[in-house]
Amino acid sequence: MSSIKVQCVVKEKNRIGESPVWEEKEGTLLYVDVSGQKVCRWNPDTNHIQSIQTDAYVGSVVPHRSGGYVIGVGTRFAAVDWETQTIKTIAHVDKDKSNNRFNDGKVDPAGRFFAGTMGMEVRPAELERGQGSLYTLNTDHSVRKHFDQVDISNGLDWSLDHNTFYYIDSLSFSVDAFDYDLQTGSLSNRRVLYKLDKDEGIPDGMCIDTEGRLWVACYNGGRVLRIDPATGKRIETVKLPVDKTTSLCFGGKDYSELYVTSACEGMDDAWMARQPEAGGIFKISGLGVKGMPPYSFAG
């Protein structure tokens, strides 16, 4: 544990930093500021941040195989052309719920974009419950709704053999698992994999390492957890100097660095004085494990 190093690498504050994705070709980190309504790209070599504004809260961003990105923004799936700085709607969801928005999302190994919705928050983690759903944007741009009655749709990833889908609905305080059919994109047999302790915070973003273990960012917990899906046990905790850790991804040249986003929304002056790096992005090195390249949307 003594070799683990936690460093704030992106000092610019995000109101709600989320959805980090490492871009191997450019050597850049892609992420969103949800309530800041922007998609950002940080270059660690130059420390330069490029961004594009959105017209609504943006929950997640993923690479598009043919260039650019796809985002969940407001209640729309949309394509982002980074060169022209334009955003074009692909599909709408939750049309009957004007107070909803997209939250976290990720691409599956077959190139489908999974993303979930939630009600708008009155205050951080306070909202009308059960308003969200989990959706897939298929490669033909059709949309599939998997289930509803979601509080805060959050972290998601797939097992190394692609047979299991891992999912977090934050206010359940658990990491769930489903059987996954990669050919059809269907989910079945939901069960609880890991239940968080009260002091661990609210489960938020999630990713997987090359050993098949899950890493979970804990909002208001100031930590990331490493969980073994085979046993349902927590096997490691890494604490950060900010409470509102939100999401995470592996990156760097060999995917051995863990990048962790954070938020500062809802923090008063005294809280910010105690945690001046809140809203920044952190790099954890020396973990001794690696992640894998992200999948790109194939539509």
Protein backbone atom coordinates (compact mmCIF):
# COMPACT_ATOMS: atom_id res chain seq x y z
CA MET A 1 0.00 0.00 0.00
CA SER A 2 2.91 2.35 0.69
CA SER A 3 3.72 2.59 -3.03
CA ILE A 4 0.29 3.96 -3.93
CA LYS A 5 0.33 7.64 -4.87
CA VAL A 6 -2.73 9.91 -5.14
CA GLN A 7 -2.21 13.16 -7.02
CA CYS A 8 -4.61 15.90 -8.18
CA VAL A 9 -3.72 16.28 -11.88
CA VAL A 10 -6.62 18.39 -13.19
CA LYS A 11 -6.93 21.42 -10.91
CA GLU A 12 -9.79 23.06 -12.79
CA LYS A 13 -12.90 22.53 -10.72
CA ASN A 14 -15.85 20.60 -12.10
CA ARG A 15 -19.20 21.08 -10.43
CA ILE A 16 -19.87 17.37 -11.01
CA GLY A 17 -16.95 15.72 -12.81
CA GLU A 18 -18.01 12.36 -14.26
CA SER A 19 -17.59 9.71 -16.97
CA PRO A 20 -13.79 9.67 -17.44
CA VAL A 21 -12.59 7.81 -20.55
CA TRP A 22 -8.96 7.39 -21.59
CA GLU A 23 -8.28 8.09 -25.28
CA GLU A 24 -5.25 5.98 -26.16
CA LYS A 25 -4.62 7.43 -29.63
CA GLU A 26 -4.48 11.03 -28.42
CA GLY A 27 -3.17 10.26 -24.93
CA THR A 28 -5.98 12.39 -23.49
CA LEU A 29 -8.62 12.02 -20.79
CA LEU A 30 -12.22 12.63 -21.82
CA TYR A 31 -14.84 13.49 -19.16
CA VAL A 32 -17.93 15.57 -18.48
CA ASP A 33 -18.97 18.23 -15.99
CA VAL A 34 -22.62 17.23 -15.54
CA SER A 35 -24.14 20.44 -14.17
CA GLY A 36 -21.39 22.59 -15.69
CA GLN A 37 -22.92 21.33 -18.97
CA LYS A 38 -19.70 20.59 -20.83
CA VAL A 39 -17.70 17.76 -22.35
CA CYS A 40 -13.97 18.13 -21.70
CA ARG A 41 -10.71 16.68 -22.97
CA TRP A 42 -7.52 17.03 -20.89
CA ASN A 43 -4.04 16.53 -22.32
CA PRO A 44 -1.63 15.46 -19.55
CA ASP A 45 1.43 16.39 -21.64
CA THR A 46 0.38 20.01 -22.12
CA ASN A 47 -2.07 20.26 -19.18
CA HIS A 48 -4.47 21.89 -21.66
CA ILE A 49 -8.24 21.37 -21.40
CA GLN A 50 -10.53 21.67 -24.42
CA SER A 51 -14.30 21.68 -23.93
CA ILE A 52 -17.62 21.95 -25.70
CA GLN A 53 -20.74 23.32 -24.02
CA THR A 54 -24.02 21.37 -23.99
CA ASP A 55 -27.54 22.77 -23.72
CA ALA A 56 -28.50 20.56 -20.76
CA TYR A 57 -26.95 18.42 -18.02
CA VAL A 58 -24.61 15.89 -19.64
CA GLY A 59 -24.32 12.55 -17.84
CA SER A 60 -21.74 10.64 -19.86
CA VAL A 61 -19.56 10.62 -22.95
CA VAL A 62 -18.19 7.70 -25.00
CA PRO A 63 -15.96 7.49 -28.08
CA HIS A 64 -17.59 6.92 -31.47
CA ARG A 65 -15.81 4.36 -33.65
CA SER A 66 -16.06 6.59 -36.73
CA GLY A 67 -14.78 9.68 -34.89
CA GLY A 68 -16.19 12.14 -32.40
CA TYR A 69 -18.25 11.10 -29.41
CA VAL A 70 -21.73 10.13 -28.26
CA ILE A 71 -23.25 11.64 -25.12
CA GLY A 72 -26.27 11.28 -22.90
CA VAL A 73 -27.45 14.89 -22.55
CA GLY A 74 -30.75 15.92 -20.98
CA THR A 75 -32.99 13.04 -22.09
CA ARG A 76 -31.29 12.62 -25.48
CA PHE A 77 -28.61 10.46 -26.99
CA ALA A 78 -26.55 12.81 -29.17
CA ALA A 79 -23.49 12.76 -31.43
CA VAL A 80 -20.65 15.23 -30.83
CA ASP A 81 -18.47 16.43 -33.69
CA TRP A 82 -15.41 17.74 -31.88
CA GLU A 83 -13.90 19.42 -34.94
CA THR A 84 -16.97 21.52 -35.73
CA GLN A 85 -18.06 21.79 -32.07
CA THR A 86 -21.58 20.66 -32.95
CA ILE A 87 -24.03 18.32 -31.23
CA LYS A 88 -26.73 16.41 -33.13
CA THR A 89 -29.59 14.50 -31.49
CA ILE A 90 -29.78 10.77 -32.25
CA ALA A 91 -32.74 9.69 -30.09
CA HIS A 92 -34.99 10.81 -27.22
CA VAL A 93 -35.96 8.87 -24.07
CA ASP A 94 -38.23 9.57 -21.07
CA LYS A 95 -40.39 11.89 -23.15
CA ASP A 96 -43.10 11.76 -20.48
CA LYS A 97 -40.67 12.83 -17.73
CA SER A 98 -39.56 16.41 -18.31
CA ASN A 99 -37.68 16.47 -14.99
CA ASN A 100 -35.38 13.57 -15.91
CA ARG A 101 -31.84 13.53 -17.26
CA PHE A 102 -29.22 11.03 -18.36
CA ASN A 103 -26.54 10.00 -15.90
CA ASP A 104 -23.68 7.51 -16.27
CA GLY A 105 -23.13 5.44 -19.42
CA LYS A 106 -20.65 3.11 -21.12
CA VAL A 107 -20.23 1.09 -24.32
CA ASP A 108 -20.51 -2.69 -24.22
CA PRO A 109 -18.07 -5.07 -26.00
CA ALA A 110 -20.41 -5.22 -29.04
CA GLY A 111 -20.42 -1.43 -29.49
CA ARG A 112 -23.81 -0.62 -27.92
CA PHE A 113 -24.12 2.47 -25.66
CA PHE A 114 -25.74 1.72 -22.30
CA ALA A 115 -26.87 4.74 -20.26
CA GLY A 116 -29.40 5.35 -17.51
CA THR A 117 -31.60 8.21 -16.38
CA MET A 118 -32.65 9.76 -13.08
CA GLY A 119 -34.82 12.57 -11.78
CA MET A 120 -33.24 16.00 -11.36
CA GLU A 121 -31.73 16.50 -7.92
CA VAL A 122 -33.06 19.10 -5.47
CA ARG A 123 -29.74 18.81 -3.64
CA PRO A 124 -26.91 16.32 -4.24
CA ALA A 125 -28.34 12.78 -3.92
CA GLU A 126 -31.80 14.17 -3.02
CA LEU A 127 -34.45 13.63 -5.71
CA GLU A 128 -37.78 12.03 -6.53
CA ARG A 129 -36.96 8.34 -6.41
CA GLY A 130 -37.84 5.65 -8.94
CA GLN A 131 -38.01 7.99 -11.94
CA GLY A 132 -35.06 6.59 -13.91
CA SER A 133 -34.55 3.76 -16.40
CA LEU A 134 -31.65 1.92 -18.04
CA TYR A 135 -31.43 2.21 -21.82
CA THR A 136 -29.31 0.98 -24.70
CA LEU A 137 -28.62 2.97 -27.85
CA ASN A 138 -28.14 0.18 -30.38
CA THR A 139 -25.78 0.46 -33.32
CA ASP A 140 -28.74 1.02 -35.68
CA HIS A 141 -29.75 3.99 -33.45
CA SER A 142 -32.83 2.21 -32.11
CA VAL A 143 -33.30 2.48 -28.32
CA ARG A 144 -34.04 -0.36 -25.93
CA LYS A 145 -35.40 0.13 -22.40
CA HIS A 146 -34.21 -2.59 -20.02
CA PHE A 147 -36.01 -1.65 -16.80
CA ASP A 148 -37.38 1.35 -14.91
CA GLN A 149 -37.93 2.28 -11.23
CA VAL A 150 -34.30 3.40 -11.00
CA ASP A 151 -33.29 6.06 -8.44
CA ILE A 152 -29.86 7.18 -9.69
CA SER A 153 -28.57 5.10 -12.62
CA ASN A 154 -24.82 4.97 -12.21
CA GLY A 155 -21.71 2.83 -12.67
CA LEU A 156 -21.71 -0.03 -15.16
CA ASP A 157 -19.27 -2.46 -16.76
CA TRP A 158 -18.94 -6.00 -18.12
CA SER A 159 -16.99 -9.02 -16.96
CA LEU A 160 -13.90 -10.04 -18.89
CA ASP A 161 -15.77 -12.96 -20.50
CA HIS A 162 -18.68 -10.59 -21.37
CA ASN A 163 -21.19 -12.92 -19.66
CA THR A 164 -21.95 -10.63 -16.69
CA PHE A 165 -23.15 -7.03 -16.56
CA TYR A 166 -22.36 -5.05 -13.41
CA TYR A 167 -24.59 -2.14 -12.44
CA ILE A 168 -25.10 0.45 -9.72
CA ASP A 169 -28.35 2.17 -8.78
CA SER A 170 -26.75 4.48 -6.22
CA LEU A 171 -29.46 4.71 -3.58
CA SER A 172 -29.64 0.93 -3.31
CA PHE A 173 -26.11 1.17 -1.85
CA SER A 174 -25.15 -1.96 -3.75
CA VAL A 175 -23.30 -3.26 -6.79
CA ASP A 176 -25.58 -5.61 -8.73
CA ALA A 177 -24.83 -8.28 -11.33
CA PHE A 178 -26.90 -9.57 -14.26
CA ASP A 179 -26.40 -12.42 -16.68
CA TYR A 180 -25.51 -10.80 -20.01
CA ASP A 181 -26.15 -12.02 -23.55
CA LEU A 182 -23.61 -10.20 -25.71
CA GLN A 183 -25.27 -11.27 -28.96
CA THR A 184 -28.67 -9.75 -28.08
CA GLY A 185 -27.68 -7.22 -25.40
CA SER A 186 -30.22 -8.75 -23.00
CA LEU A 187 -30.04 -8.71 -19.19
CA SER A 188 -31.44 -11.34 -16.80
CA ASN A 189 -31.08 -12.82 -13.31
CA ARG A 190 -30.36 -9.64 -11.31
CA ARG A 191 -28.67 -10.20 -7.94
CA VAL A 192 -26.76 -8.17 -5.36
CA LEU A 193 -23.00 -8.62 -5.60
CA TYR A 194 -21.79 -6.24 -2.89
CA LYS A 195 -23.61 -4.13 -0.29
CA LEU A 196 -21.76 -1.02 0.85
CA ASP A 197 -21.19 -0.25 4.51
CA LYS A 198 -22.67 3.06 5.68
CA ASP A 199 -19.24 4.67 6.15
CA GLU A 200 -18.19 3.79 2.59
CA GLY A 201 -20.48 6.40 1.04
CA ILE A 202 -22.81 6.19 -1.98
CA PRO A 203 -21.68 3.92 -4.86
CA ASP A 204 -21.20 5.98 -8.01
CA GLY A 205 -18.99 5.24 -11.04
CA MET A 206 -17.37 1.86 -11.69
CA CYS A 207 -14.75 0.18 -13.88
CA ILE A 208 -13.03 -3.20 -14.15
CA ASP A 209 -9.35 -4.20 -14.17
CA THR A 210 -7.57 -6.92 -16.14
CA GLU A 211 -7.90 -9.30 -13.18
CA GLY A 212 -11.70 -9.01 -13.38
CA ARG A 213 -12.02 -7.02 -10.15
CA LEU A 214 -14.32 -4.00 -9.93
CA TRP A 215 -13.33 -0.51 -8.82
CA VAL A 216 -16.12 1.66 -7.40
CA ALA A 217 -15.97 5.40 -6.65
CA CYS A 218 -17.88 6.29 -3.48
CA TYR A 219 -19.66 9.65 -3.45
CA ASN A 220 -19.45 11.35 -0.03
CA GLY A 221 -17.09 8.53 0.93
CA GLY A 222 -13.82 10.00 -0.36
CA ARG A 223 -12.58 6.63 -1.53
CA VAL A 224 -12.53 3.99 -4.21
CA LEU A 225 -13.17 0.34 -3.45
CA ARG A 226 -11.82 -2.74 -5.17
CA ILE A 227 -14.33 -5.60 -5.12
CA ASP A 228 -13.86 -9.21 -6.13
CA PRO A 229 -17.02 -10.34 -8.00
CA ALA A 230 -16.12 -13.99 -7.42
CA THR A 231 -16.46 -13.64 -3.64
CA GLY A 232 -18.51 -10.45 -3.28
CA LYS A 233 -15.84 -9.12 -0.91
CA ARG A 234 -14.06 -5.78 -0.77
CA ILE A 235 -10.35 -6.44 -1.17
CA GLU A 236 -8.91 -2.91 -1.21
CA THR A 237 -9.79 0.67 -0.28
CA VAL A 238 -7.90 3.75 -1.50
CA LYS A 239 -8.82 7.04 0.17
CA LEU A 240 -8.69 10.42 -1.58
CA PRO A 241 -8.40 13.96 -0.14
CA VAL A 242 -11.94 14.88 -1.28
CA ASP A 243 -15.30 13.48 -0.16
CA LYS A 244 -17.22 13.70 -3.43
CA THR A 245 -15.42 11.10 -5.55
CA THR A 246 -17.70 10.33 -8.49
CA SER A 247 -16.26 8.03 -11.17
CA LEU A 248 -13.07 6.44 -12.44
CA CYS A 249 -11.25 4.79 -15.33
CA PHE A 250 -7.86 3.30 -16.03
CA GLY A 251 -5.57 5.20 -18.37
CA GLY A 252 -2.02 6.21 -19.13
CA LYS A 253 0.31 4.58 -21.62
CA ASP A 254 -0.18 1.06 -20.24
CA TYR A 255 -3.52 1.60 -18.46
CA SER A 256 -1.82 1.30 -15.06
CA GLU A 257 -3.06 4.66 -13.73
CA LEU A 258 -6.52 5.08 -12.22
CA TYR A 259 -8.14 8.46 -12.94
CA VAL A 260 -10.83 9.53 -10.48
CA THR A 261 -13.25 12.42 -11.05
CA SER A 262 -14.84 14.42 -8.24
CA ALA A 263 -17.48 17.06 -7.55
CA CYS A 264 -17.75 20.25 -5.55
CA GLU A 265 -21.45 21.00 -6.06
CA GLY A 266 -23.28 21.50 -2.77
CA MET A 267 -20.12 22.25 -0.76
CA ASP A 268 -20.06 25.43 1.34
CA ASP A 269 -17.03 27.68 1.84
CA ALA A 270 -15.88 25.92 5.00
CA TRP A 271 -16.06 22.51 3.30
CA MET A 272 -14.18 23.84 0.26
CA ALA A 273 -11.52 25.31 2.56
CA ARG A 274 -10.98 21.86 4.08
CA GLN A 275 -10.91 20.18 0.65
CA PRO A 276 -9.54 22.74 -1.83
CA GLU A 277 -9.02 20.10 -4.54
CA ALA A 278 -12.73 19.14 -4.63
CA GLY A 279 -13.99 19.10 -8.22
CA GLY A 280 -10.54 18.18 -9.53
CA ILE A 281 -9.43 14.94 -11.18
CA PHE A 282 -7.02 12.63 -9.40
CA LYS A 283 -4.49 10.09 -10.64
CA ILE A 284 -3.80 7.02 -8.52
CA SER A 285 -0.57 5.24 -9.42
CA GLY A 286 1.27 2.27 -7.95
CA LEU A 287 -1.80 0.03 -7.66
CA GLY A 288 -0.06 -2.88 -9.34
CA VAL A 289 -3.03 -3.57 -11.61
CA LYS A 290 -4.08 -2.39 -15.05
CA GLY A 291 -7.29 -1.61 -16.86
CA MET A 292 -8.31 -2.09 -20.46
CA PRO A 293 -9.05 0.24 -23.39
CA PRO A 294 -12.67 1.47 -23.51
CA TYR A 295 -15.06 0.22 -26.17
CA SER A 296 -16.33 2.65 -28.80
CA PHE A 297 -19.90 3.10 -30.00
CA ALA A 298 -20.25 1.24 -33.30
CA GLY A 299 -23.34 2.96 -34.70
